[in-house]
């Protein structure tokens, strides 16, 4: 639980299929190929913003 609280406080963002990675275009491309039903055009703007902001990303497992 402390891990999740620290990630939230640090501004980590949710990206399906990730476990504590730096948001990059390469990672986004990879996850979009791996999970096309989740990484839709409607969500890409937010993901690109996370890249610009140099955020860390994880899903509910990571």
N, C-alpha and C. Protein backbone atom coordinates (compact mmCIF):
# COMPACT_ATOMS: atom_id res chain seq x y z
N UNK A 1 0.81 -1.19 0.00
CA UNK A 1 0.00 0.00 0.00
C UNK A 1 0.86 1.26 0.00
N UNK A 2 1.95 1.25 0.74
CA UNK A 2 2.84 2.41 0.76
C UNK A 2 3.40 2.70 -0.62
N UNK A 3 3.72 1.64 -1.39
CA UNK A 3 4.24 1.80 -2.74
C UNK A 3 3.24 2.58 -3.60
N UNK A 4 1.98 2.19 -3.53
CA UNK A 4 0.96 2.86 -4.32
C UNK A 4 0.77 4.31 -3.88
N UNK A 5 0.84 4.57 -2.61
CA UNK A 5 0.71 5.93 -2.11
C UNK A 5 1.88 6.80 -2.57
N UNK A 6 3.07 6.25 -2.58
CA UNK A 6 4.24 7.01 -3.04
C UNK A 6 4.14 7.30 -4.54
N UNK A 7 3.69 6.31 -5.31
CA UNK A 7 3.53 6.51 -6.75
C UNK A 7 2.50 7.59 -7.04
N UNK A 8 1.40 7.56 -6.32
CA UNK A 8 0.37 8.58 -6.49
C UNK A 8 0.91 9.96 -6.14
N UNK A 9 1.61 10.06 -5.03
CA UNK A 9 2.17 11.34 -4.60
C UNK A 9 3.20 11.86 -5.59
N UNK A 10 3.91 10.96 -6.27
CA UNK A 10 4.93 11.36 -7.25
C UNK A 10 4.34 11.68 -8.61
N UNK A 11 3.03 11.48 -8.78
CA UNK A 11 2.39 11.84 -10.04
C UNK A 11 2.44 10.77 -11.11
N UNK A 12 2.65 9.52 -10.72
CA UNK A 12 2.64 8.45 -11.70
C UNK A 12 1.29 8.38 -12.38
N UNK A 13 1.27 7.95 -13.63
CA UNK A 13 0.05 7.83 -14.42
C UNK A 13 -0.23 6.36 -14.75
N UNK A 14 -1.49 6.08 -15.06
CA UNK A 14 -1.93 4.72 -15.38
C UNK A 14 -1.76 4.43 -16.87
N UNK A 15 -0.96 3.42 -17.18
CA UNK A 15 -0.84 2.88 -18.53
C UNK A 15 -0.99 1.37 -18.41
N UNK A 16 -1.99 0.84 -19.04
CA UNK A 16 -2.26 -0.59 -19.01
C UNK A 16 -1.04 -1.37 -19.50
N UNK A 17 -0.67 -2.40 -18.76
CA UNK A 17 0.44 -3.28 -19.17
C UNK A 17 1.81 -2.79 -18.78
N UNK A 18 1.90 -1.80 -17.90
CA UNK A 18 3.21 -1.30 -17.48
C UNK A 18 3.39 -1.50 -15.98
N UNK A 19 4.65 -1.49 -15.55
CA UNK A 19 4.94 -1.78 -14.14
C UNK A 19 6.04 -0.87 -13.59
N UNK A 20 5.87 0.43 -13.77
CA UNK A 20 6.85 1.36 -13.23
C UNK A 20 7.92 1.73 -14.22
N UNK A 21 7.51 2.13 -15.41
CA UNK A 21 8.43 2.55 -16.47
C UNK A 21 8.32 4.06 -16.67
N UNK A 22 9.37 4.64 -17.25
CA UNK A 22 9.30 6.03 -17.69
C UNK A 22 8.48 6.07 -18.97
N UNK A 23 7.55 7.00 -19.07
CA UNK A 23 6.71 7.14 -20.26
C UNK A 23 7.57 7.63 -21.43
N UNK A 24 7.61 6.84 -22.49
CA UNK A 24 8.35 7.20 -23.70
C UNK A 24 7.51 6.87 -24.92
N UNK A 25 7.85 7.46 -26.04
CA UNK A 25 7.14 7.15 -27.28
C UNK A 25 7.34 5.70 -27.66
N UNK A 26 8.54 5.19 -27.45
CA UNK A 26 8.82 3.79 -27.75
C UNK A 26 7.94 2.86 -26.92
N UNK A 27 7.79 3.15 -25.64
CA UNK A 27 6.93 2.35 -24.78
C UNK A 27 5.47 2.45 -25.24
N UNK A 28 5.04 3.64 -25.57
CA UNK A 28 3.67 3.83 -26.04
C UNK A 28 3.42 3.03 -27.32
N UNK A 29 4.34 3.08 -28.25
CA UNK A 29 4.21 2.32 -29.49
C UNK A 29 4.10 0.83 -29.20
N UNK A 30 4.95 0.35 -28.31
CA UNK A 30 4.96 -1.07 -27.95
C UNK A 30 3.65 -1.50 -27.31
N UNK A 31 3.17 -0.72 -26.36
CA UNK A 31 1.93 -1.07 -25.66
C UNK A 31 0.72 -0.96 -26.59
N UNK A 32 0.75 0.01 -27.50
CA UNK A 32 -0.35 0.15 -28.47
C UNK A 32 -0.42 -1.06 -29.40
N UNK A 33 0.72 -1.62 -29.77
CA UNK A 33 0.73 -2.83 -30.58
C UNK A 33 0.27 -4.04 -29.76
N UNK A 34 0.69 -4.09 -28.51
CA UNK A 34 0.38 -5.21 -27.64
C UNK A 34 -1.09 -5.22 -27.21
N UNK A 35 -1.65 -4.05 -26.92
CA UNK A 35 -3.01 -3.93 -26.40
C UNK A 35 -3.81 -2.90 -27.21
N UNK A 36 -4.07 -3.17 -28.48
CA UNK A 36 -4.75 -2.17 -29.32
C UNK A 36 -6.16 -1.80 -28.84
N UNK A 37 -6.84 -2.70 -28.15
CA UNK A 37 -8.19 -2.38 -27.66
C UNK A 37 -8.15 -1.35 -26.54
N UNK A 38 -7.04 -1.25 -25.84
CA UNK A 38 -6.93 -0.28 -24.75
C UNK A 38 -6.31 1.04 -25.24
N UNK A 39 -5.27 0.94 -26.05
CA UNK A 39 -4.54 2.13 -26.50
C UNK A 39 -5.20 2.68 -27.75
N UNK A 40 -6.36 3.29 -27.55
CA UNK A 40 -7.16 3.81 -28.66
C UNK A 40 -6.77 5.26 -28.99
N UNK A 41 -7.21 5.70 -30.15
CA UNK A 41 -6.92 7.07 -30.58
C UNK A 41 -7.42 8.10 -29.57
N UNK A 42 -8.54 7.81 -28.93
CA UNK A 42 -9.11 8.73 -27.96
C UNK A 42 -8.27 8.91 -26.70
N UNK A 43 -7.39 7.97 -26.42
CA UNK A 43 -6.55 8.04 -25.23
C UNK A 43 -5.13 8.55 -25.53
N UNK A 44 -4.75 8.58 -26.79
CA UNK A 44 -3.37 8.89 -27.14
C UNK A 44 -2.92 10.28 -26.72
N UNK A 45 -3.80 11.25 -26.75
CA UNK A 45 -3.43 12.61 -26.34
C UNK A 45 -2.94 12.65 -24.90
N UNK A 46 -3.65 11.96 -24.03
CA UNK A 46 -3.25 11.92 -22.62
C UNK A 46 -1.91 11.21 -22.47
N UNK A 47 -1.73 10.12 -23.19
CA UNK A 47 -0.46 9.39 -23.09
C UNK A 47 0.71 10.23 -23.61
N UNK A 48 0.49 10.96 -24.68
CA UNK A 48 1.56 11.83 -25.20
C UNK A 48 1.89 12.94 -24.21
N UNK A 49 0.88 13.43 -23.51
CA UNK A 49 1.12 14.44 -22.48
C UNK A 49 1.98 13.86 -21.36
N UNK A 50 1.72 12.63 -20.97
CA UNK A 50 2.52 11.98 -19.93
C UNK A 50 3.98 11.87 -20.37
N UNK A 51 4.19 11.59 -21.66
CA UNK A 51 5.56 11.52 -22.20
C UNK A 51 6.23 12.89 -22.09
N UNK A 52 5.53 13.93 -22.52
CA UNK A 52 6.07 15.29 -22.45
C UNK A 52 6.41 15.69 -21.01
N UNK A 53 5.59 15.25 -20.07
CA UNK A 53 5.79 15.57 -18.66
C UNK A 53 6.82 14.67 -17.98
N UNK A 54 7.35 13.71 -18.74
CA UNK A 54 8.37 12.76 -18.23
C UNK A 54 7.87 12.00 -17.00
N UNK A 55 6.63 11.54 -17.10
CA UNK A 55 6.00 10.81 -16.00
C UNK A 55 6.48 9.36 -15.94
N UNK A 56 6.32 8.78 -14.79
CA UNK A 56 6.46 7.34 -14.60
C UNK A 56 5.05 6.77 -14.76
N UNK A 57 4.98 5.53 -15.27
CA UNK A 57 3.68 4.91 -15.52
C UNK A 57 3.63 3.48 -15.02
N UNK A 58 2.45 3.08 -14.60
CA UNK A 58 2.23 1.71 -14.13
C UNK A 58 0.74 1.41 -14.23
N UNK A 59 0.42 0.12 -14.20
CA UNK A 59 -0.99 -0.25 -14.12
C UNK A 59 -1.28 -0.72 -12.70
N UNK A 60 -2.41 -1.33 -12.48
CA UNK A 60 -2.81 -1.70 -11.12
C UNK A 60 -1.93 -2.79 -10.53
N UNK A 61 -1.23 -3.55 -11.36
CA UNK A 61 -0.30 -4.58 -10.87
C UNK A 61 1.04 -3.95 -10.51
N UNK A 62 1.47 -2.99 -11.33
CA UNK A 62 2.79 -2.42 -11.18
C UNK A 62 2.83 -1.21 -10.33
